Protein backbone atom coordinates (compact mmCIF):
# COMPACT_ATOMS: atom_id res chain seq x y z
CA MET A 1 31.01 126.63 199.47
CA ALA A 2 34.28 126.38 197.75
CA PRO A 3 37.08 128.72 199.10
CA PRO A 4 38.54 131.26 196.72
CA ASP A 5 41.80 130.07 195.11
CA ASP A 6 43.95 132.33 197.61
CA GLU A 7 42.19 130.89 200.45
CA ALA A 8 42.26 127.29 199.48
CA PRO A 9 44.26 124.93 201.63
CA THR A 10 47.59 124.03 199.93
CA PRO A 11 50.43 122.04 200.74
CA SER A 12 53.83 123.68 200.97
CA ALA A 13 57.05 122.07 199.70
CA ASN A 14 57.36 120.08 202.77
CA GLY A 15 53.84 118.75 202.51
CA PHE A 16 52.47 120.85 205.34
CA ASP A 17 48.97 122.80 204.84
CA LYS A 18 50.35 126.62 204.47
CA LEU A 19 47.09 127.92 205.83
CA ILE A 20 47.58 126.08 209.24
CA HIS A 21 51.41 126.41 209.20
CA GLU A 22 51.01 130.11 209.91
CA PRO A 23 51.87 130.52 213.70
CA ALA A 24 48.86 132.33 214.69
CA ARG A 25 46.48 130.04 212.85
CA LEU A 26 48.46 126.85 213.92
CA LEU A 27 47.93 127.96 217.63
CA LEU A 28 44.16 128.83 216.98
CA MET A 29 43.64 125.45 215.36
CA ALA A 30 45.64 123.68 218.08
CA ARG A 31 43.21 125.25 220.78
CA LEU A 32 40.16 124.37 218.83
CA PHE A 33 41.21 120.77 218.25
CA VAL A 34 41.17 119.94 221.95
CA VAL A 35 37.56 121.29 222.68
CA ASP A 36 34.24 121.04 220.93
CA ALA A 37 33.84 124.83 220.63
CA ALA A 38 35.39 128.02 222.21
CA ASP A 39 34.24 131.53 222.28
CA PHE A 40 36.01 134.49 220.68
CA THR A 41 37.19 136.18 224.05
CA PHE A 42 38.58 132.85 225.47
CA LEU A 43 40.47 132.33 222.21
CA ALA A 44 41.86 135.85 222.12
CA GLN A 45 43.18 135.44 225.56
CA ALA A 46 44.42 131.87 225.26
CA THR A 47 46.33 132.81 222.00
CA GLY A 48 47.51 136.43 222.86
CA LEU A 49 46.02 137.62 219.61
CA THR A 50 44.23 140.89 219.43
CA GLY A 51 40.68 140.79 218.48
CA GLY A 52 41.54 142.04 214.98
CA ASN A 53 44.06 139.71 214.40
CA LEU A 54 41.91 136.76 215.55
CA SER A 55 39.21 137.86 213.46
CA SER A 56 41.38 137.98 210.37
CA HIS A 57 42.69 134.41 211.00
CA MET A 58 39.31 133.19 211.72
CA THR A 59 37.81 134.43 208.58
CA ARG A 60 40.69 132.81 206.55
CA LEU A 61 40.15 129.35 208.31
CA GLU A 62 36.30 129.90 207.91
CA SER A 63 36.64 130.42 204.16
CA ALA A 64 38.80 127.31 203.67
CA GLY A 65 36.04 125.13 205.48
CA TYR A 66 38.32 124.57 208.70
CA ILE A 67 36.22 126.38 211.17
CA GLU A 68 32.62 126.97 211.82
CA VAL A 69 31.70 130.41 213.32
CA GLU A 70 28.51 130.81 215.22
CA LYS A 71 27.10 134.27 216.25
CA SER A 72 24.61 134.87 218.91
CA PHE A 73 23.53 137.32 221.74
CA VAL A 74 23.52 136.19 225.25
CA ASP A 75 22.05 139.03 227.51
CA ARG A 76 22.14 141.39 224.75
CA ARG A 77 25.88 140.97 224.28
CA PRO A 78 27.34 139.47 221.13
CA LYS A 79 28.85 136.03 221.50
CA THR A 80 30.94 134.31 218.83
CA LEU A 81 31.60 130.51 219.04
CA LEU A 82 34.14 128.73 217.00
CA ARG A 83 34.62 125.20 216.31
CA LEU A 84 36.61 122.92 214.00
CA THR A 85 34.53 121.46 211.09
CA PRO A 86 35.06 117.69 210.49
CA GLU A 87 37.63 118.96 207.43
CA GLY A 88 39.34 121.27 209.87
CA ARG A 89 39.72 118.49 212.49
CA GLU A 90 41.14 115.93 209.82
CA ALA A 91 43.34 118.76 208.28
CA PHE A 92 44.88 119.44 211.72
CA ARG A 93 45.43 115.60 212.56
CA ARG A 94 47.25 115.48 209.04
CA TYR A 95 49.39 118.44 209.99
CA ARG A 96 50.09 117.13 213.46
CA ASP A 97 50.96 113.54 212.18
CA GLY A 98 53.20 115.09 209.36
CA LEU A 99 55.02 117.41 211.95
CA ARG A 100 55.48 114.45 214.22
CA ALA A 101 57.02 112.41 211.46
CA VAL A 102 59.48 115.08 210.75
CA LEU A 103 60.33 115.60 214.32
CA ASP A 104 60.82 111.84 214.92
CA THR A 105 63.60 111.69 212.28
CA LEU A 106 65.86 114.14 214.39
CA PRO A 107 68.37 112.94 216.70
CA GLU A 108 67.96 113.54 220.35
């Protein structure tokens, strides 16, 4: 499914993906980059985001095709797992590498 125009990943003037560049989404993507999957509660605690804020950012990243959301029930309690898609993983790699390239040009 193609993301709506306002959700589509777009490079900013400096070449960084604006969708990832937003601080809360950057933190969320970075946490997901180092794991296979993480549950909603863990991500809320690890990022310091409220449930509503996390849900909002999660929806934007899912609409862009960067994350996959799996909802289930465990012992009658809802459980939401998030994982990066291959596209999300590659987008984060490009973002990380671009940021490193910029930072490497700065004097110590």
